Amino acid sequence: MTAQVQRAWRELPSADRTAGVILAHNYGEASALQFYGHNLGLILSGHLSWQYWRPSRLPQGFALTVGYDASGLGALCRAWRPITRIENRWHLDNEERGQLIAACTLKQPLGSLWKPLIARNQP
């Protein structure tokens, strides 16, 4: 997953990387990206305690999303496009396998979307 996200991040236009973040659907994805990732942008997740580990000023317009489904992307994004689906080299099923990695132009600034749509205390 981390290699796929790194590749997707690297292939984005520099304007998106500069103005954007990586938004993981759950804390496991965010933790893996933080621990194993290299040369990635700011990694955020609204899942459980990760919702509190964010800067006070959030980027405004773009997110590379990890693990969000089409309905979640529809709520967050003015426009989005799938980049790939998460896969592992062993093709073993897990929570992340098959989930989307997508480029998302946000409907509103991320700070406005955080509490109503991203931050959550349940799985």
Protein backbone atom coordinates (compact mmCIF):
# COMPACT_ATOMS: atom_id res chain seq x y z
CA MET A 1 0.00 0.00 0.00
CA THR A 2 2.73 2.45 0.94
CA ALA A 3 4.58 1.88 -2.34
CA GLN A 4 1.33 2.46 -4.26
CA VAL A 5 0.65 5.70 -2.38
CA GLN A 6 4.24 6.87 -2.88
CA ARG A 7 3.95 6.23 -6.62
CA ALA A 8 0.57 8.02 -6.81
CA TRP A 9 1.93 10.99 -4.81
CA ARG A 10 5.05 11.25 -6.95
CA GLU A 11 2.98 11.22 -10.18
CA LEU A 12 0.64 14.04 -9.10
CA PRO A 13 1.21 17.51 -10.53
CA SER A 14 3.49 19.52 -8.26
CA ALA A 15 0.68 22.04 -7.58
CA ASP A 16 -1.46 19.26 -6.07
CA ARG A 17 1.43 17.99 -3.94
CA THR A 18 2.22 21.52 -2.73
CA ALA A 19 -1.40 22.39 -1.88
CA GLY A 20 -2.52 18.98 -0.71
CA VAL A 21 -2.36 16.24 1.87
CA ILE A 22 -2.67 12.48 2.02
CA LEU A 23 -5.94 11.63 3.71
CA ALA A 24 -6.21 8.06 5.01
CA HIS A 25 -9.61 6.62 5.91
CA ASN A 26 -8.32 4.79 8.98
CA TYR A 27 -5.49 5.05 11.46
CA GLY A 28 -3.87 1.79 10.27
CA GLU A 29 -3.41 3.19 6.77
CA ALA A 30 -2.15 6.51 8.16
CA SER A 31 0.29 4.76 10.52
CA ALA A 32 1.69 2.54 7.77
CA LEU A 33 2.20 5.55 5.51
CA GLN A 34 3.84 7.53 8.31
CA PHE A 35 6.16 4.67 9.34
CA TYR A 36 7.07 3.15 5.96
CA GLY A 37 6.60 6.10 3.62
CA HIS A 38 9.33 8.30 2.18
CA ASN A 39 8.97 11.70 0.54
CA LEU A 40 5.25 11.89 1.19
CA GLY A 41 3.24 14.97 2.05
CA LEU A 42 1.36 15.58 5.26
CA ILE A 43 -0.49 12.39 6.28
CA LEU A 44 -3.83 12.86 8.01
CA SER A 45 -6.68 10.66 9.19
CA GLY A 46 -9.84 11.51 11.08
CA HIS A 47 -10.08 8.00 12.54
CA LEU A 48 -10.04 7.67 16.34
CA SER A 49 -7.05 9.45 17.97
CA TRP A 50 -5.42 10.31 14.62
CA GLN A 51 -8.08 13.02 14.24
CA TYR A 52 -6.26 15.05 16.92
CA TRP A 53 -2.80 14.84 15.28
CA ARG A 54 -3.25 17.50 12.70
CA PRO A 55 -1.94 21.00 12.20
CA SER A 56 -4.20 23.89 13.16
CA ARG A 57 -4.05 25.19 9.58
CA LEU A 58 -5.07 22.60 7.01
CA PRO A 59 -4.42 22.69 3.27
CA GLN A 60 -7.33 24.02 1.31
CA GLY A 61 -7.95 22.30 -1.97
CA PHE A 62 -6.54 18.84 -2.67
CA ALA A 63 -6.19 15.43 -1.02
CA LEU A 64 -4.78 12.13 -2.19
CA THR A 65 -7.24 9.83 -0.47
CA VAL A 66 -6.51 6.31 0.72
CA GLY A 67 -9.28 3.85 1.57
CA TYR A 68 -12.33 6.03 0.93
CA ASP A 69 -15.20 4.52 -1.05
CA ALA A 70 -17.12 6.30 -3.81
CA SER A 71 -19.81 7.64 -1.45
CA GLY A 72 -17.20 9.06 0.94
CA LEU A 73 -15.37 10.64 -1.96
CA GLY A 74 -18.64 12.08 -3.24
CA ALA A 75 -19.20 13.80 0.09
CA LEU A 76 -15.66 15.24 0.26
CA CYS A 77 -14.76 15.98 -3.32
CA ARG A 78 -16.01 18.42 -5.93
CA ALA A 79 -14.27 16.11 -8.39
CA TRP A 80 -12.31 12.92 -7.90
CA ARG A 81 -10.60 10.31 -10.02
CA PRO A 82 -9.44 6.85 -9.09
CA ILE A 83 -5.71 6.28 -9.38
CA THR A 84 -5.52 2.64 -8.33
CA ARG A 85 -6.87 0.10 -5.87
CA ILE A 86 -4.79 -1.13 -2.95
CA GLU A 87 -3.21 -4.52 -3.58
CA ASN A 88 -0.54 -6.57 -1.85
CA ARG A 89 2.04 -8.78 -3.48
CA TRP A 90 0.55 -11.91 -1.95
CA HIS A 91 -3.03 -11.06 -3.03
CA LEU A 92 -4.18 -11.76 0.52
CA ASP A 93 -7.47 -10.29 1.62
CA ASN A 94 -7.36 -7.72 4.36
CA GLU A 95 -9.22 -4.53 5.25
CA GLU A 96 -7.31 -2.41 2.75
CA ARG A 97 -7.14 -4.71 -0.27
CA GLY A 98 -9.28 -3.38 -3.08
CA GLN A 99 -9.84 0.05 -1.49
CA LEU A 100 -9.35 3.14 -3.64
CA ILE A 101 -6.43 5.50 -3.83
CA ALA A 102 -7.93 8.59 -5.45
CA ALA A 103 -7.13 12.19 -6.34
CA CYS A 104 -9.70 14.52 -4.77
CA THR A 105 -10.39 18.19 -5.41
CA LEU A 106 -12.11 19.13 -2.18
CA LYS A 107 -15.58 20.71 -2.10
CA GLN A 108 -14.55 23.02 0.72
CA PRO A 109 -11.36 23.75 2.67
CA LEU A 110 -10.29 20.66 4.60
CA GLY A 111 -10.80 22.45 7.93
CA SER A 112 -14.49 22.94 7.08
CA LEU A 113 -14.93 19.27 6.20
CA TRP A 114 -12.97 17.88 9.15
CA LYS A 115 -15.56 17.70 11.93
CA PRO A 116 -18.70 16.92 9.93
CA LEU A 117 -17.23 14.42 7.44
CA ILE A 118 -13.76 13.20 8.41
CA ALA A 119 -13.28 13.03 12.20
CA ARG A 120 -14.92 9.97 13.76
CA ASN A 121 -14.59 7.91 16.91
CA GLN A 122 -15.91 4.61 15.57
CA PRO A 123 -14.30 2.09 13.23
